[in-house]
Amino acid sequence: ETGEILPQPSLSEIRDMILRHARLQVEYKGEFIAMREMRKHVAWYTKGLHGAAKLREKINTVESYPELENLLTSL
């Protein structure tokens, strides 16, 4: 509306949004399906970030919400 370009979200904001998204997915679809679907969503959330490729490699092995949370909080 104003033409102002907003700043990119911070790493902590991205992490918080991924975890919120994952919690909602777990509630809606169950942990097994949610974690597999979150693998592609995390790739979208982190596209263009420094070190995103290594993070995606690790994310693709995540099987549970606590694993995802531990991985993302270690960033």
C-alpha atoms as a PDB file:
ATOM      1  CA  GLU A   1       0.000   0.000   0.000  1.00  0.00           C
ATOM      2  CA  THR A   2       2.799   2.421   0.882  1.00  0.00           C
ATOM      3  CA  GLY A   3       5.433   0.904  -1.379  1.00  0.00           C
ATOM      4  CA  GLU A   4       7.715   0.345   1.622  1.00  0.00           C
ATOM      5  CA  ILE A   5       9.808  -2.812   1.420  1.00  0.00           C
ATOM      6  CA  LEU A   6       9.654  -4.581   4.762  1.00  0.00           C
ATOM      7  CA  PRO A   7      12.743  -6.173   6.290  1.00  0.00           C
ATOM      8  CA  GLN A   8      13.239  -9.927   6.068  1.00  0.00           C
ATOM      9  CA  PRO A   9      12.214 -11.876   9.195  1.00  0.00           C
ATOM     10  CA  SER A  10      15.010 -12.663  11.622  1.00  0.00           C
ATOM     11  CA  LEU A  11      16.359 -16.190  12.084  1.00  0.00           C
ATOM     12  CA  SER A  12      14.570 -16.458  15.436  1.00  0.00           C
ATOM     13  CA  GLU A  13      11.263 -15.372  13.843  1.00  0.00           C
ATOM     14  CA  ILE A  14      11.685 -17.998  11.120  1.00  0.00           C
ATOM     15  CA  ARG A  15      12.513 -20.670  13.714  1.00  0.00           C
ATOM     16  CA  ASP A  16       9.479 -19.736  15.808  1.00  0.00           C
ATOM     17  CA  MET A  17       7.196 -19.884  12.768  1.00  0.00           C
ATOM     18  CA  ILE A  18       8.551 -23.288  11.696  1.00  0.00           C
ATOM     19  CA  LEU A  19       7.948 -24.685  15.179  1.00  0.00           C
ATOM     20  CA  ARG A  20       4.448 -23.198  15.347  1.00  0.00           C
ATOM     21  CA  HIS A  21       3.665 -24.642  11.921  1.00  0.00           C
ATOM     22  CA  ALA A  22       5.007 -28.035  13.009  1.00  0.00           C
ATOM     23  CA  ARG A  23       2.926 -28.052  16.210  1.00  0.00           C
ATOM     24  CA  LEU A  24      -0.216 -27.274  14.239  1.00  0.00           C
ATOM     25  CA  GLN A  25       0.614 -29.992  11.698  1.00  0.00           C
ATOM     26  CA  VAL A  26       1.125 -32.527  14.506  1.00  0.00           C
ATOM     27  CA  GLU A  27      -2.245 -31.606  16.035  1.00  0.00           C
ATOM     28  CA  TYR A  28      -4.015 -31.868  12.696  1.00  0.00           C
ATOM     29  CA  LYS A  29      -2.289 -34.814  10.985  1.00  0.00           C
ATOM     30  CA  GLY A  30      -0.357 -36.646  13.680  1.00  0.00           C
ATOM     31  CA  GLU A  31       3.388 -36.645  14.218  1.00  0.00           C
ATOM     32  CA  PHE A  32       4.352 -39.229  11.599  1.00  0.00           C
ATOM     33  CA  ILE A  33       2.789 -37.434   8.636  1.00  0.00           C
ATOM     34  CA  ALA A  34       3.434 -33.949  10.010  1.00  0.00           C
ATOM     35  CA  MET A  35       7.186 -34.432  10.309  1.00  0.00           C
ATOM     36  CA  ARG A  36       7.460 -35.752   6.780  1.00  0.00           C
ATOM     37  CA  GLU A  37       5.470 -32.854   5.403  1.00  0.00           C
ATOM     38  CA  MET A  38       7.462 -30.345   7.447  1.00  0.00           C
ATOM     39  CA  ARG A  39      10.620 -31.436   5.642  1.00  0.00           C
ATOM     40  CA  LYS A  40       9.489 -29.643   2.485  1.00  0.00           C
ATOM     41  CA  HIS A  41       8.056 -26.710   4.411  1.00  0.00           C
ATOM     42  CA  VAL A  42      11.335 -26.135   6.244  1.00  0.00           C
ATOM     43  CA  ALA A  43      13.074 -26.036   2.870  1.00  0.00           C
ATOM     44  CA  TRP A  44      10.692 -23.269   1.811  1.00  0.00           C
ATOM     45  CA  TYR A  45      11.096 -21.346   5.075  1.00  0.00           C
ATOM     46  CA  THR A  46      14.889 -21.427   4.851  1.00  0.00           C
ATOM     47  CA  LYS A  47      15.351 -20.828   1.123  1.00  0.00           C
ATOM     48  CA  GLY A  48      18.154 -18.360   0.568  1.00  0.00           C
ATOM     49  CA  LEU A  49      19.483 -18.460   4.133  1.00  0.00           C
ATOM     50  CA  HIS A  50      23.158 -19.067   4.799  1.00  0.00           C
ATOM     51  CA  GLY A  51      23.704 -22.765   5.594  1.00  0.00           C
ATOM     52  CA  ALA A  52      20.207 -23.776   4.429  1.00  0.00           C
ATOM     53  CA  ALA A  53      21.480 -26.744   2.400  1.00  0.00           C
ATOM     54  CA  LYS A  54      23.140 -28.338   5.453  1.00  0.00           C
ATOM     55  CA  LEU A  55      20.039 -27.671   7.524  1.00  0.00           C
ATOM     56  CA  ARG A  56      17.856 -29.387   4.913  1.00  0.00           C
ATOM     57  CA  GLU A  57      20.115 -32.450   5.026  1.00  0.00           C
ATOM     58  CA  LYS A  58      19.588 -32.683   8.789  1.00  0.00           C
ATOM     59  CA  ILE A  59      15.868 -31.907   8.604  1.00  0.00           C
ATOM     60  CA  ASN A  60      15.334 -34.798   6.193  1.00  0.00           C
ATOM     61  CA  THR A  61      16.209 -37.246   8.982  1.00  0.00           C
ATOM     62  CA  VAL A  62      13.854 -35.765  11.600  1.00  0.00           C
ATOM     63  CA  GLU A  63      11.211 -38.215  12.806  1.00  0.00           C
ATOM     64  CA  SER A  64       9.575 -36.330  15.710  1.00  0.00           C
ATOM     65  CA  TYR A  65       8.640 -32.842  16.876  1.00  0.00           C
ATOM     66  CA  PRO A  66      11.187 -32.887  19.750  1.00  0.00           C
ATOM     67  CA  GLU A  67      13.932 -33.756  17.238  1.00  0.00           C
ATOM     68  CA  LEU A  68      12.883 -30.838  15.035  1.00  0.00           C
ATOM     69  CA  GLU A  69      12.771 -28.507  18.018  1.00  0.00           C
ATOM     70  CA  ASN A  70      16.227 -29.587  19.228  1.00  0.00           C
ATOM     71  CA  LEU A  71      17.710 -29.168  15.776  1.00  0.00           C
ATOM     72  CA  LEU A  72      16.265 -25.692  15.278  1.00  0.00           C
ATOM     73  CA  THR A  73      17.120 -24.426  18.764  1.00  0.00           C
ATOM     74  CA  SER A  74      20.746 -25.421  18.216  1.00  0.00           C
ATOM     75  CA  LEU A  75      21.008 -22.889  15.375  1.00  0.00           C
END
